[in-house]
């Protein structure tokens, strides 16, 4: 798999996680454990995206 499609896939997953976090935060009873887990996954994806972006240049 080339880096570009993989990078696009990771970027889309990152965007979807942001949406899930926003949805969870808008609930009357926020599940802070779930939000923390989603944010951790989002950060992991961000780091992977940055790593792949550096190796492409």
C-alpha atoms as a PDB file:
ATOM      1  CA  UNK A   1       0.000   0.000   0.000  1.00  0.00           C
ATOM      2  CA  UNK A   2       1.413   3.367  -0.931  1.00  0.00           C
ATOM      3  CA  UNK A   3       1.577   6.073   1.696  1.00  0.00           C
ATOM      4  CA  UNK A   4      -0.872   8.444  -0.007  1.00  0.00           C
ATOM      5  CA  UNK A   5      -4.036   6.290   0.173  1.00  0.00           C
ATOM      6  CA  UNK A   6      -3.051   5.168   3.662  1.00  0.00           C
ATOM      7  CA  UNK A   7      -2.507   8.785   4.690  1.00  0.00           C
ATOM      8  CA  UNK A   8      -5.922   9.730   3.299  1.00  0.00           C
ATOM      9  CA  UNK A   9      -7.523   6.852   5.208  1.00  0.00           C
ATOM     10  CA  UNK A  10      -5.879   7.917   8.471  1.00  0.00           C
ATOM     11  CA  UNK A  11      -6.914  11.530   7.905  1.00  0.00           C
ATOM     12  CA  UNK A  12     -10.529  10.440   7.388  1.00  0.00           C
ATOM     13  CA  UNK A  13     -10.436   8.310  10.557  1.00  0.00           C
ATOM     14  CA  UNK A  14      -9.025  11.320  12.435  1.00  0.00           C
ATOM     15  CA  UNK A  15     -11.897  13.488  11.150  1.00  0.00           C
ATOM     16  CA  UNK A  16     -14.487  10.883  12.160  1.00  0.00           C
ATOM     17  CA  UNK A  17     -13.008  10.638  15.638  1.00  0.00           C
ATOM     18  CA  UNK A  18     -13.313  14.415  15.987  1.00  0.00           C
ATOM     19  CA  UNK A  19     -16.990  14.130  15.089  1.00  0.00           C
ATOM     20  CA  UNK A  20     -17.511  11.320  17.629  1.00  0.00           C
ATOM     21  CA  UNK A  21     -15.832  13.390  20.339  1.00  0.00           C
ATOM     22  CA  UNK A  22     -18.045  16.381  19.553  1.00  0.00           C
ATOM     23  CA  UNK A  23     -21.147  14.170  19.624  1.00  0.00           C
ATOM     24  CA  UNK A  24     -20.178  12.681  22.966  1.00  0.00           C
ATOM     25  CA  UNK A  25     -19.448  16.106  24.465  1.00  0.00           C
ATOM     26  CA  UNK A  26     -22.873  17.364  23.362  1.00  0.00           C
ATOM     27  CA  UNK A  27     -24.700  14.650  25.322  1.00  0.00           C
ATOM     28  CA  UNK A  28     -26.361  15.641  28.595  1.00  0.00           C
ATOM     29  CA  UNK A  29     -24.459  12.901  30.437  1.00  0.00           C
ATOM     30  CA  UNK A  30     -20.942  12.976  28.991  1.00  0.00           C
ATOM     31  CA  UNK A  31     -18.988   9.731  29.322  1.00  0.00           C
ATOM     32  CA  UNK A  32     -15.591  11.193  30.171  1.00  0.00           C
ATOM     33  CA  UNK A  33     -13.921   7.781  29.926  1.00  0.00           C
ATOM     34  CA  UNK A  34     -15.187   7.369  26.383  1.00  0.00           C
ATOM     35  CA  UNK A  35     -14.131  10.920  25.466  1.00  0.00           C
ATOM     36  CA  UNK A  36     -10.650  10.281  26.862  1.00  0.00           C
ATOM     37  CA  UNK A  37     -10.377   7.061  24.905  1.00  0.00           C
ATOM     38  CA  UNK A  38     -11.486   8.755  21.681  1.00  0.00           C
ATOM     39  CA  UNK A  39      -9.034  11.618  22.228  1.00  0.00           C
ATOM     40  CA  UNK A  40      -6.196   9.184  22.838  1.00  0.00           C
ATOM     41  CA  UNK A  41      -7.003   7.337  19.611  1.00  0.00           C
ATOM     42  CA  UNK A  42      -7.227  10.658  17.751  1.00  0.00           C
ATOM     43  CA  UNK A  43      -3.800  11.664  19.066  1.00  0.00           C
ATOM     44  CA  UNK A  44      -2.350   8.299  18.021  1.00  0.00           C
ATOM     45  CA  UNK A  45      -3.698   8.844  14.507  1.00  0.00           C
ATOM     46  CA  UNK A  46      -2.349  12.405  14.425  1.00  0.00           C
ATOM     47  CA  UNK A  47       1.118  11.114  15.343  1.00  0.00           C
ATOM     48  CA  UNK A  48       0.919   8.424  12.655  1.00  0.00           C
ATOM     49  CA  UNK A  49      -0.210  10.988  10.059  1.00  0.00           C
ATOM     50  CA  UNK A  50       2.702  13.255  11.002  1.00  0.00           C
ATOM     51  CA  UNK A  51       5.149  10.354  10.816  1.00  0.00           C
ATOM     52  CA  UNK A  52       3.922   9.311   7.375  1.00  0.00           C
ATOM     53  CA  UNK A  53       3.983  12.905   6.146  1.00  0.00           C
ATOM     54  CA  UNK A  54       7.627  13.278   7.214  1.00  0.00           C
ATOM     55  CA  UNK A  55       8.692  10.047   5.507  1.00  0.00           C
ATOM     56  CA  UNK A  56       7.059  11.082   2.215  1.00  0.00           C
ATOM     57  CA  UNK A  57       9.230  14.212   1.878  1.00  0.00           C
END
